[in-house]
Amino acid sequence: MAEIVERSLRSGQREEFDGDVVLIGQLNDGAEVLAGGSVTVLGRLKGCVHAGRDNGGKSYIIAASFESQQVRIGDRLCTLNSASVEWWKKSVIITLEENEFLFREWKLD
């Protein structure tokens, strides 16, 4: 089961769901999406995403434009500095592989 959110989330707003979340809009800085499953952001991901809260990190995060300084999958936290990230402002798929974050380009064509 997935929740589809058809609006952008602003600072201070939070969307929480037990399953997957698809955000059709921007996740702005200071906004949060917390999901028991995977999270897809079909816009800029600038806020905080916590995917896989209920399934031990077997979920993923997809962003059309990755611009966040923090993401979580399961009980793992990844903090980033935009200056050192090659996939900044690019489309990505984020997963956990052997408890390490793996960022891959998400090809939209």
PDB file of N, CA and C in Angstrom:
ATOM      1  N   MET A   1       0.836  -1.168   0.000  1.00  0.00           N
ATOM      2  CA  MET A   1       0.000   0.000   0.000  1.00  0.00           C
ATOM      3  C   MET A   1       0.892   1.246   0.000  1.00  0.00           C
ATOM      4  N   ALA A   2       0.506   2.242  -0.801  1.00  0.00           N
ATOM      5  CA  ALA A   2       1.300   3.464  -0.897  1.00  0.00           C
ATOM      6  C   ALA A   2       0.407   4.683  -0.691  1.00  0.00           C
ATOM      7  N   GLU A   3       0.986   5.707  -0.129  1.00  0.00           N
ATOM      8  CA  GLU A   3       0.310   6.989  -0.005  1.00  0.00           C
ATOM      9  C   GLU A   3       0.881   7.910  -1.069  1.00  0.00           C
ATOM     10  N   ILE A   4       0.012   8.575  -1.808  1.00  0.00           N
ATOM     11  CA  ILE A   4       0.449   9.536  -2.817  1.00  0.00           C
ATOM     12  C   ILE A   4       0.108  10.926  -2.305  1.00  0.00           C
ATOM     13  N   VAL A   5       1.135  11.762  -2.214  1.00  0.00           N
ATOM     14  CA  VAL A   5       0.983  13.138  -1.732  1.00  0.00           C
ATOM     15  C   VAL A   5       1.183  14.055  -2.929  1.00  0.00           C
ATOM     16  N   GLU A   6       0.132  14.784  -3.307  1.00  0.00           N
ATOM     17  CA  GLU A   6       0.182  15.621  -4.505  1.00  0.00           C
ATOM     18  C   GLU A   6       0.316  17.096  -4.149  1.00  0.00           C
ATOM     19  N   ARG A   7       1.361  17.421  -3.420  1.00  0.00           N
ATOM     20  CA  ARG A   7       1.661  18.801  -3.050  1.00  0.00           C
ATOM     21  C   ARG A   7       3.083  18.855  -2.518  1.00  0.00           C
ATOM     22  N   SER A   8       3.650  20.026  -2.514  1.00  0.00           N
ATOM     23  CA  SER A   8       4.971  20.202  -1.935  1.00  0.00           C
ATOM     24  C   SER A   8       4.842  20.347  -0.422  1.00  0.00           C
ATOM     25  N   LEU A   9       5.877  19.911   0.294  1.00  0.00           N
ATOM     26  CA  LEU A   9       5.907  20.058   1.749  1.00  0.00           C
ATOM     27  C   LEU A   9       6.898  21.160   2.106  1.00  0.00           C
ATOM     28  N   ARG A  10       6.463  22.097   2.935  1.00  0.00           N
ATOM     29  CA  ARG A  10       7.300  23.217   3.364  1.00  0.00           C
ATOM     30  C   ARG A  10       7.925  22.928   4.722  1.00  0.00           C
ATOM     31  N   SER A  11       8.856  23.775   5.112  1.00  0.00           N
ATOM     32  CA  SER A  11       9.529  23.648   6.399  1.00  0.00           C
ATOM     33  C   SER A  11       8.504  23.514   7.523  1.00  0.00           C
ATOM     34  N   GLY A  12       8.722  22.532   8.392  1.00  0.00           N
ATOM     35  CA  GLY A  12       7.834  22.288   9.517  1.00  0.00           C
ATOM     36  C   GLY A  12       6.723  21.288   9.220  1.00  0.00           C
ATOM     37  N   GLN A  13       6.505  20.975   7.950  1.00  0.00           N
ATOM     38  CA  GLN A  13       5.476  19.999   7.612  1.00  0.00           C
ATOM     39  C   GLN A  13       6.071  18.593   7.615  1.00  0.00           C
ATOM     40  N   ARG A  14       5.216  17.634   7.957  1.00  0.00           N
ATOM     41  CA  ARG A  14       5.667  16.243   8.072  1.00  0.00           C
ATOM     42  C   ARG A  14       4.588  15.323   7.513  1.00  0.00           C
ATOM     43  N   GLU A  15       5.021  14.359   6.727  1.00  0.00           N
ATOM     44  CA  GLU A  15       4.126  13.332   6.192  1.00  0.00           C
ATOM     45  C   GLU A  15       4.633  11.996   6.721  1.00  0.00           C
ATOM     46  N   GLU A  16       3.742  11.227   7.352  1.00  0.00           N
ATOM     47  CA  GLU A  16       4.138   9.957   7.956  1.00  0.00           C
ATOM     48  C   GLU A  16       3.148   8.882   7.520  1.00  0.00           C
ATOM     49  N   PHE A  17       3.688   7.712   7.125  1.00  0.00           N
ATOM     50  CA  PHE A  17       2.831   6.642   6.624  1.00  0.00           C
ATOM     51  C   PHE A  17       3.506   5.300   6.887  1.00  0.00           C
ATOM     52  N   ASP A  18       2.723   4.266   7.127  1.00  0.00           N
ATOM     53  CA  ASP A  18       3.273   2.941   7.418  1.00  0.00           C
ATOM     54  C   ASP A  18       3.866   2.252   6.197  1.00  0.00           C
ATOM     55  N   GLY A  19       3.379   2.574   5.006  1.00  0.00           N
ATOM     56  CA  GLY A  19       3.862   1.928   3.780  1.00  0.00           C
ATOM     57  C   GLY A  19       4.775   2.839   2.984  1.00  0.00           C
ATOM     58  N   ASP A  20       4.683   2.717   1.656  1.00  0.00           N
ATOM     59  CA  ASP A  20       5.480   3.550   0.755  1.00  0.00           C
ATOM     60  C   ASP A  20       4.837   4.928   0.612  1.00  0.00           C
ATOM     61  N   VAL A  21       5.670   5.934   0.306  1.00  0.00           N
ATOM     62  CA  VAL A  21       5.189   7.295   0.074  1.00  0.00           C
ATOM     63  C   VAL A  21       5.721   7.773  -1.268  1.00  0.00           C
ATOM     64  N   VAL A  22       4.818   8.318  -2.089  1.00  0.00           N
ATOM     65  CA  VAL A  22       5.193   8.968  -3.339  1.00  0.00           C
ATOM     66  C   VAL A  22       4.803  10.432  -3.198  1.00  0.00           C
ATOM     67  N   LEU A  23       5.792  11.311  -3.249  1.00  0.00           N
ATOM     68  CA  LEU A  23       5.553  12.746  -3.143  1.00  0.00           C
ATOM     69  C   LEU A  23       5.668  13.350  -4.533  1.00  0.00           C
ATOM     70  N   ILE A  24       4.553  13.883  -5.034  1.00  0.00           N
ATOM     71  CA  ILE A  24       4.542  14.554  -6.328  1.00  0.00           C
ATOM     72  C   ILE A  24       4.624  16.046  -6.021  1.00  0.00           C
ATOM     73  N   GLY A  25       5.840  16.520  -5.866  1.00  0.00           N
ATOM     74  CA  GLY A  25       6.103  17.898  -5.467  1.00  0.00           C
ATOM     75  C   GLY A  25       7.492  17.978  -4.864  1.00  0.00           C
ATOM     76  N   GLN A  26       7.775  19.096  -4.212  1.00  0.00           N
ATOM     77  CA  GLN A  26       9.087  19.321  -3.607  1.00  0.00           C
ATOM     78  C   GLN A  26       9.042  18.949  -2.117  1.00  0.00           C
ATOM     79  N   LEU A  27      10.133  18.430  -1.610  1.00  0.00           N
ATOM     80  CA  LEU A  27      10.305  18.249  -0.171  1.00  0.00           C
ATOM     81  C   LEU A  27      11.326  19.300   0.251  1.00  0.00           C
ATOM     82  N   ASN A  28      10.812  20.425   0.728  1.00  0.00           N
ATOM     83  CA  ASN A  28      11.674  21.562   1.030  1.00  0.00           C
ATOM     84  C   ASN A  28      12.459  21.377   2.316  1.00  0.00           C
ATOM     85  N   ASP A  29      13.514  22.160   2.454  1.00  0.00           N
ATOM     86  CA  ASP A  29      14.368  22.127   3.638  1.00  0.00           C
ATOM     87  C   ASP A  29      13.514  22.347   4.882  1.00  0.00           C
ATOM     88  N   GLY A  30      13.691  21.501   5.879  1.00  0.00           N
ATOM     89  CA  GLY A  30      12.924  21.595   7.112  1.00  0.00           C
ATOM     90  C   GLY A  30      11.656  20.761   7.124  1.00  0.00           C
ATOM     91  N   ALA A  31      11.296  20.164   5.984  1.00  0.00           N
ATOM     92  CA  ALA A  31      10.140  19.269   5.910  1.00  0.00           C
ATOM     93  C   ALA A  31      10.620  17.829   6.023  1.00  0.00           C
ATOM     94  N   GLU A  32       9.708  16.919   6.406  1.00  0.00           N
ATOM     95  CA  GLU A  32      10.086  15.522   6.611  1.00  0.00           C
ATOM     96  C   GLU A  32       9.070  14.574   5.989  1.00  0.00           C
ATOM     97  N   VAL A  33       9.584  13.449   5.493  1.00  0.00           N
ATOM     98  CA  VAL A  33       8.748  12.319   5.103  1.00  0.00           C
ATOM     99  C   VAL A  33       9.277  11.110   5.852  1.00  0.00           C
ATOM    100  N   LEU A  34       8.402  10.451   6.614  1.00  0.00           N
ATOM    101  CA  LEU A  34       8.753   9.250   7.357  1.00  0.00           C
ATOM    102  C   LEU A  34       7.875   8.122   6.853  1.00  0.00           C
ATOM    103  N   ALA A  35       8.503   7.026   6.432  1.00  0.00           N
ATOM    104  CA  ALA A  35       7.748   5.934   5.827  1.00  0.00           C
ATOM    105  C   ALA A  35       8.200   4.584   6.362  1.00  0.00           C
ATOM    106  N   GLY A  36       7.242   3.689   6.499  1.00  0.00           N
ATOM    107  CA  GLY A  36       7.576   2.316   6.847  1.00  0.00           C
ATOM    108  C   GLY A  36       8.214   1.594   5.679  1.00  0.00           C
ATOM    109  N   GLY A  37       7.936   2.069   4.466  1.00  0.00           N
ATOM    110  CA  GLY A  37       8.477   1.481   3.240  1.00  0.00           C
ATOM    111  C   GLY A  37       9.395   2.447   2.525  1.00  0.00           C
ATOM    112  N   SER A  38       9.313   2.443   1.206  1.00  0.00           N
ATOM    113  CA  SER A  38      10.175   3.273   0.371  1.00  0.00           C
ATOM    114  C   SER A  38       9.568   4.655   0.167  1.00  0.00           C
ATOM    115  N   VAL A  39      10.431   5.608  -0.257  1.00  0.00           N
ATOM    116  CA  VAL A  39       9.987   6.983  -0.513  1.00  0.00           C
ATOM    117  C   VAL A  39      10.463   7.397  -1.897  1.00  0.00           C
ATOM    118  N   THR A  40       9.532   7.942  -2.692  1.00  0.00           N
ATOM    119  CA  THR A  40       9.852   8.500  -3.998  1.00  0.00           C
ATOM    120  C   THR A  40       9.446   9.963  -3.995  1.00  0.00           C
ATOM    121  N   VAL A  41      10.393  10.841  -4.348  1.00  0.00           N
ATOM    122  CA  VAL A  41      10.128  12.271  -4.428  1.00  0.00           C
ATOM    123  C   VAL A  41      10.278  12.684  -5.885  1.00  0.00           C
ATOM    124  N   LEU A  42       9.164  13.031  -6.517  1.00  0.00           N
ATOM    125  CA  LEU A  42       9.172  13.434  -7.923  1.00  0.00           C
ATOM    126  C   LEU A  42       9.307  14.953  -8.013  1.00  0.00           C
ATOM    127  N   GLY A  43      10.364  15.438  -7.429  1.00  0.00           N
ATOM    128  CA  GLY A  43      10.692  16.857  -7.358  1.00  0.00           C
ATOM    129  C   GLY A  43      12.025  16.980  -6.632  1.00  0.00           C
ATOM    130  N   ARG A  44      12.300  18.161  -6.083  1.00  0.00           N
ATOM    131  CA  ARG A  44      13.547  18.351  -5.322  1.00  0.00           C
ATOM    132  C   ARG A  44      13.408  17.756  -3.930  1.00  0.00           C
ATOM    133  N   LEU A  45      14.398  16.977  -3.529  1.00  0.00           N
ATOM    134  CA  LEU A  45      14.461  16.427  -2.177  1.00  0.00           C
ATOM    135  C   LEU A  45      15.491  17.255  -1.424  1.00  0.00           C
ATOM    136  N   LYS A  46      14.999  18.226  -0.647  1.00  0.00           N
ATOM    137  CA  LYS A  46      15.881  19.085   0.148  1.00  0.00           C
ATOM    138  C   LYS A  46      15.718  18.814   1.643  1.00  0.00           C
ATOM    139  N   GLY A  47      14.572  18.277   2.033  1.00  0.00           N
ATOM    140  CA  GLY A  47      14.283  18.005   3.428  1.00  0.00           C
ATOM    141  C   GLY A  47      14.817  16.646   3.856  1.00  0.00           C
ATOM    142  N   CYS A  48      14.269  16.133   4.939  1.00  0.00           N
ATOM    143  CA  CYS A  48      14.736  14.868   5.526  1.00  0.00           C
ATOM    144  C   CYS A  48      13.770  13.735   5.181  1.00  0.00           C
ATOM    145  N   VAL A  49      14.333  12.625   4.706  1.00  0.00           N
ATOM    146  CA  VAL A  49      13.554  11.420   4.417  1.00  0.00           C
ATOM    147  C   VAL A  49      14.038  10.298   5.320  1.00  0.00           C
ATOM    148  N   HIS A  50      13.087   9.588   5.924  1.00  0.00           N
ATOM    149  CA  HIS A  50      13.399   8.377   6.686  1.00  0.00           C
ATOM    150  C   HIS A  50      12.544   7.260   6.105  1.00  0.00           C
ATOM    151  N   ALA A  51      13.172   6.404   5.306  1.00  0.00           N
ATOM    152  CA  ALA A  51      12.490   5.269   4.670  1.00  0.00           C
ATOM    153  C   ALA A  51      12.803   3.987   5.443  1.00  0.00           C
ATOM    154  N   GLY A  52      11.934   3.011   5.323  1.00  0.00           N
ATOM    155  CA  GLY A  52      12.203   1.693   5.902  1.00  0.00           C
ATOM    156  C   GLY A  52      12.199   1.656   7.412  1.00  0.00           C
ATOM    157  N   ARG A  53      11.393   2.481   8.045  1.00  0.00           N
ATOM    158  CA  ARG A  53      11.365   2.481   9.510  1.00  0.00           C
ATOM    159  C   ARG A  53      10.870   1.155  10.061  1.00  0.00           C
ATOM    160  N   ASP A  54      10.068   0.430   9.276  1.00  0.00           N
ATOM    161  CA  ASP A  54       9.447  -0.801   9.775  1.00  0.00           C
ATOM    162  C   ASP A  54      10.013  -2.084   9.175  1.00  0.00           C
ATOM    163  N   ASN A  55      10.989  -1.986   8.278  1.00  0.00           N
ATOM    164  CA  ASN A  55      11.416  -3.216   7.601  1.00  0.00           C
ATOM    165  C   ASN A  55      12.926  -3.439   7.617  1.00  0.00           C
ATOM    166  N   GLY A  56      13.612  -2.869   8.562  1.00  0.00           N
ATOM    167  CA  GLY A  56      15.030  -3.167   8.730  1.00  0.00           C
ATOM    168  C   GLY A  56      15.927  -2.696   7.606  1.00  0.00           C
ATOM    169  N   GLY A  57      15.547  -1.640   6.910  1.00  0.00           N
ATOM    170  CA  GLY A  57      16.423  -1.074   5.899  1.00  0.00           C
ATOM    171  C   GLY A  57      16.340  -1.703   4.526  1.00  0.00           C
ATOM    172  N   LYS A  58      15.267  -2.422   4.233  1.00  0.00           N
ATOM    173  CA  LYS A  58      15.128  -3.057   2.914  1.00  0.00           C
ATOM    174  C   LYS A  58      14.424  -2.140   1.920  1.00  0.00           C
ATOM    175  N   SER A  59      14.224  -0.905   2.266  1.00  0.00           N
ATOM    176  CA  SER A  59      13.546   0.060   1.413  1.00  0.00           C
ATOM    177  C   SER A  59      14.556   0.887   0.644  1.00  0.00           C
ATOM    178  N   TYR A  60      14.045   1.813  -0.156  1.00  0.00           N
ATOM    179  CA  TYR A  60      14.903   2.688  -0.950  1.00  0.00           C
ATOM    180  C   TYR A  60      14.310   4.093  -0.967  1.00  0.00           C
ATOM    181  N   ILE A  61      15.125   5.027  -1.428  1.00  0.00           N
ATOM    182  CA  ILE A  61      14.708   6.413  -1.628  1.00  0.00           C
ATOM    183  C   ILE A  61      15.026   6.767  -3.077  1.00  0.00           C
ATOM    184  N   ILE A  62      14.055   7.363  -3.770  1.00  0.00           N
ATOM    185  CA  ILE A  62      14.274   7.863  -5.124  1.00  0.00           C
ATOM    186  C   ILE A  62      13.999   9.363  -5.098  1.00  0.00           C
ATOM    187  N   ALA A  63      14.861  10.135  -5.743  1.00  0.00           N
ATOM    188  CA  ALA A  63      14.650  11.577  -5.841  1.00  0.00           C
ATOM    189  C   ALA A  63      14.934  12.044  -7.255  1.00  0.00           C
ATOM    190  N   ALA A  64      14.038  12.880  -7.790  1.00  0.00           N
ATOM    191  CA  ALA A  64      14.258  13.444  -9.117  1.00  0.00           C
ATOM    192  C   ALA A  64      15.401  14.451  -9.097  1.00  0.00           C
ATOM    193  N   SER A  65      15.597  15.132  -7.970  1.00  0.00           N
ATOM    194  CA  SER A  65      16.731  16.047  -7.793  1.00  0.00           C
ATOM    195  C   SER A  65      17.162  15.970  -6.332  1.00  0.00           C
ATOM    196  N   PHE A  66      18.312  15.357  -6.069  1.00  0.00           N
ATOM    197  CA  PHE A  66      18.779  15.128  -4.704  1.00  0.00           C
ATOM    198  C   PHE A  66      19.545  16.349  -4.199  1.00  0.00           C
ATOM    199  N   GLU A  67      19.010  16.978  -3.129  1.00  0.00           N
ATOM    200  CA  GLU A  67      19.633  18.176  -2.561  1.00  0.00           C
ATOM    201  C   GLU A  67      19.553  18.159  -1.037  1.00  0.00           C
ATOM    202  N   SER A  68      19.502  16.987  -0.433  1.00  0.00           N
ATOM    203  CA  SER A  68      19.337  16.858   1.010  1.00  0.00           C
ATOM    204  C   SER A  68      20.673  16.649   1.705  1.00  0.00           C
ATOM    205  N   GLN A  69      20.750  17.117   2.931  1.00  0.00           N
ATOM    206  CA  GLN A  69      21.964  16.904   3.710  1.00  0.00           C
ATOM    207  C   GLN A  69      21.837  15.713   4.655  1.00  0.00           C
ATOM    208  N   GLN A  70      20.633  15.104   4.682  1.00  0.00           N
ATOM    209  CA  GLN A  70      20.448  13.958   5.572  1.00  0.00           C
ATOM    210  C   GLN A  70      19.347  13.044   5.046  1.00  0.00           C
ATOM    211  N   VAL A  71      19.639  11.747   4.975  1.00  0.00           N
ATOM    212  CA  VAL A  71      18.634  10.735   4.668  1.00  0.00           C
ATOM    213  C   VAL A  71      18.839   9.555   5.609  1.00  0.00           C
ATOM    214  N   ARG A  72      17.752   8.812   5.815  1.00  0.00           N
ATOM    215  CA  ARG A  72      17.805   7.625   6.673  1.00  0.00           C
ATOM    216  C   ARG A  72      17.092   6.477   5.980  1.00  0.00           C
ATOM    217  N   ILE A  73      17.669   5.300   6.126  1.00  0.00           N
ATOM    218  CA  ILE A  73      17.006   4.069   5.709  1.00  0.00           C
ATOM    219  C   ILE A  73      17.168   3.095   6.867  1.00  0.00           C
ATOM    220  N   GLY A  74      16.034   2.581   7.347  1.00  0.00           N
ATOM    221  CA  GLY A  74      16.086   1.698   8.512  1.00  0.00           C
ATOM    222  C   GLY A  74      16.688   2.441   9.693  1.00  0.00           C
ATOM    223  N   ASP A  75      17.679   1.840  10.334  1.00  0.00           N
ATOM    224  CA  ASP A  75      18.329   2.492  11.476  1.00  0.00           C
ATOM    225  C   ASP A  75      19.637   3.188  11.093  1.00  0.00           C
ATOM    226  N   ARG A  76      19.888   3.348   9.794  1.00  0.00           N
ATOM    227  CA  ARG A  76      21.130   3.971   9.300  1.00  0.00           C
ATOM    228  C   ARG A  76      20.881   5.426   8.910  1.00  0.00           C
ATOM    229  N   LEU A  77      21.837   6.280   9.227  1.00  0.00           N
ATOM    230  CA  LEU A  77      21.773   7.703   8.937  1.00  0.00           C
ATOM    231  C   LEU A  77      22.929   8.080   8.029  1.00  0.00           C
ATOM    232  N   CYS A  78      22.652   8.892   7.013  1.00  0.00           N
ATOM    233  CA  CYS A  78      23.686   9.382   6.110  1.00  0.00           C
ATOM    234  C   CYS A  78      23.599  10.905   6.083  1.00  0.00           C
ATOM    235  N   THR A  79      24.690  11.581   6.475  1.00  0.00           N
ATOM    236  CA  THR A  79      24.753  13.029   6.373  1.00  0.00           C
ATOM    237  C   THR A  79      25.727  13.385   5.256  1.00  0.00           C
ATOM    238  N   LEU A  80      25.396  14.455   4.535  1.00  0.00           N
ATOM    239  CA  LEU A  80      26.151  14.808   3.333  1.00  0.00           C
ATOM    240  C   LEU A  80      26.476  16.290   3.310  1.00  0.00           C
ATOM    241  N   ASN A  81      27.572  16.617   2.622  1.00  0.00           N
ATOM    242  CA  ASN A  81      27.955  17.993   2.357  1.00  0.00           C
ATOM    243  C   ASN A  81      27.859  18.191   0.851  1.00  0.00           C
ATOM    244  N   SER A  82      27.043  19.124   0.406  1.00  0.00           N
ATOM    245  CA  SER A  82      26.770  19.281  -1.026  1.00  0.00           C
ATOM    246  C   SER A  82      28.022  19.485  -1.864  1.00  0.00           C
ATOM    247  N   ALA A  83      29.038  20.097  -1.314  1.00  0.00           N
ATOM    248  CA  ALA A  83      30.258  20.374  -2.086  1.00  0.00           C
ATOM    249  C   ALA A  83      31.005  19.099  -2.465  1.00  0.00           C
ATOM    250  N   SER A  84      30.819  18.033  -1.718  1.00  0.00           N
ATOM    251  CA  SER A  84      31.591  16.814  -1.957  1.00  0.00           C
ATOM    252  C   SER A  84      30.773  15.674  -2.567  1.00  0.00           C
ATOM    253  N   VAL A  85      29.567  15.959  -3.019  1.00  0.00           N
ATOM    254  CA  VAL A  85      28.686  14.911  -3.513  1.00  0.00           C
ATOM    255  C   VAL A  85      28.515  15.039  -5.019  1.00  0.00           C
ATOM    256  N   GLU A  86      28.953  14.034  -5.750  1.00  0.00           N
ATOM    257  CA  GLU A  86      28.910  14.087  -7.219  1.00  0.00           C
ATOM    258  C   GLU A  86      27.500  14.018  -7.780  1.00  0.00           C
ATOM    259  N   TRP A  87      26.553  13.474  -7.035  1.00  0.00           N
ATOM    260  CA  TRP A  87      25.196  13.323  -7.541  1.00  0.00           C
ATOM    261  C   TRP A  87      24.279  14.444  -7.049  1.00  0.00           C
ATOM    262  N   TRP A  88      24.840  15.519  -6.488  1.00  0.00           N
ATOM    263  CA  TRP A  88      24.046  16.651  -6.008  1.00  0.00           C
ATOM    264  C   TRP A  88      23.247  17.245  -7.160  1.00  0.00           C
ATOM    265  N   LYS A  89      21.958  17.479  -6.928  1.00  0.00           N
ATOM    266  CA  LYS A  89      21.014  18.011  -7.914  1.00  0.00           C
ATOM    267  C   LYS A  89      20.802  17.077  -9.106  1.00  0.00           C
ATOM    268  N   LYS A  90      21.070  15.787  -8.915  1.00  0.00           N
ATOM    269  CA  LYS A  90      20.827  14.788  -9.957  1.00  0.00           C
ATOM    270  C   LYS A  90      19.766  13.811  -9.472  1.00  0.00           C
ATOM    271  N   SER A  91      19.217  13.049 -10.397  1.00  0.00           N
ATOM    272  CA  SER A  91      18.232  12.018 -10.063  1.00  0.00           C
ATOM    273  C   SER A  91      18.960  10.789  -9.528  1.00  0.00           C
ATOM    274  N   VAL A  92      18.535  10.300  -8.362  1.00  0.00           N
ATOM    275  CA  VAL A  92      19.241   9.190  -7.715  1.00  0.00           C
ATOM    276  C   VAL A  92      18.276   8.157  -7.142  1.00  0.00           C
ATOM    277  N   ILE A  93      18.823   6.955  -6.976  1.00  0.00           N
ATOM    278  CA  ILE A  93      18.200   5.890  -6.194  1.00  0.00           C
ATOM    279  C   ILE A  93      19.169   5.596  -5.058  1.00  0.00           C
ATOM    280  N   ILE A  94      18.649   5.590  -3.838  1.00  0.00           N
ATOM    281  CA  ILE A  94      19.488   5.364  -2.659  1.00  0.00           C
ATOM    282  C   ILE A  94      19.027   4.079  -1.984  1.00  0.00           C
ATOM    283  N   THR A  95      19.954   3.169  -1.771  1.00  0.00           N
ATOM    284  CA  THR A  95      19.661   1.899  -1.107  1.00  0.00           C
ATOM    285  C   THR A  95      20.732   1.634  -0.055  1.00  0.00           C
ATOM    286  N   LEU A  96      20.524   0.591   0.729  1.00  0.00           N
ATOM    287  CA  LEU A  96      21.550   0.102   1.654  1.00  0.00           C
ATOM    288  C   LEU A  96      22.109  -1.201   1.106  1.00  0.00           C
ATOM    289  N   GLU A  97      23.420  -1.300   1.049  1.00  0.00           N
ATOM    290  CA  GLU A  97      24.109  -2.528   0.653  1.00  0.00           C
ATOM    291  C   GLU A  97      25.116  -2.846   1.749  1.00  0.00           C
ATOM    292  N   GLU A  98      24.915  -3.944   2.445  1.00  0.00           N
ATOM    293  CA  GLU A  98      25.776  -4.341   3.564  1.00  0.00           C
ATOM    294  C   GLU A  98      25.922  -3.204   4.570  1.00  0.00           C
ATOM    295  N   ASN A  99      24.786  -2.594   4.917  1.00  0.00           N
ATOM    296  CA  ASN A  99      24.688  -1.503   5.891  1.00  0.00           C
ATOM    297  C   ASN A  99      25.383  -0.213   5.477  1.00  0.00           C
ATOM    298  N   GLU A 100      25.730  -0.063   4.212  1.00  0.00           N
ATOM    299  CA  GLU A 100      26.330   1.165   3.688  1.00  0.00           C
ATOM    300  C   GLU A 100      25.383   1.768   2.651  1.00  0.00           C
ATOM    301  N   PHE A 101      25.317   3.096   2.629  1.00  0.00           N
ATOM    302  CA  PHE A 101      24.485   3.768   1.641  1.00  0.00           C
ATOM    303  C   PHE A 101      25.103   3.657   0.263  1.00  0.00           C
ATOM    304  N   LEU A 102      24.260   3.342  -0.708  1.00  0.00           N
ATOM    305  CA  LEU A 102      24.683   3.258  -2.099  1.00  0.00           C
ATOM    306  C   LEU A 102      23.813   4.214  -2.908  1.00  0.00           C
ATOM    307  N   PHE A 103      24.467   5.181  -3.547  1.00  0.00           N
ATOM    308  CA  PHE A 103      23.789   6.148  -4.402  1.00  0.00           C
ATOM    309  C   PHE A 103      24.063   5.772  -5.848  1.00  0.00           C
ATOM    310  N   ARG A 104      22.985   5.660  -6.636  1.00  0.00           N
ATOM    311  CA  ARG A 104      23.120   5.378  -8.066  1.00  0.00           C
ATOM    312  C   ARG A 104      22.285   6.379  -8.835  1.00  0.00           C
ATOM    313  N   GLU A 105      22.748   6.703 -10.026  1.00  0.00           N
ATOM    314  CA  GLU A 105      21.990   7.617 -10.857  1.00  0.00           C
ATOM    315  C   GLU A 105      20.683   6.948 -11.282  1.00  0.00           C
ATOM    316  N   TRP A 106      19.611   7.709 -11.247  1.00  0.00           N
ATOM    317  CA  TRP A 106      18.300   7.238 -11.684  1.00  0.00           C
ATOM    318  C   TRP A 106      18.077   7.797 -13.084  1.00  0.00           C
ATOM    319  N   LYS A 107      18.120   6.922 -14.045  1.00  0.00           N
ATOM    320  CA  LYS A 107      17.971   7.321 -15.447  1.00  0.00           C
ATOM    321  C   LYS A 107      16.489   7.508 -15.739  1.00  0.00           C
ATOM    322  N   LEU A 108      16.127   8.716 -16.106  1.00  0.00           N
ATOM    323  CA  LEU A 108      14.719   9.044 -16.348  1.00  0.00           C
ATOM    324  C   LEU A 108      14.285   8.799 -17.778  1.00  0.00           C
ATOM    325  N   ASP A 109      15.199   8.443 -18.679  1.00  0.00           N
ATOM    326  CA  ASP A 109      14.798   8.230 -20.069  1.00  0.00           C
ATOM    327  C   ASP A 109      14.609   6.766 -20.401  1.00  0.00           C
TER     328      ASP A 109
END
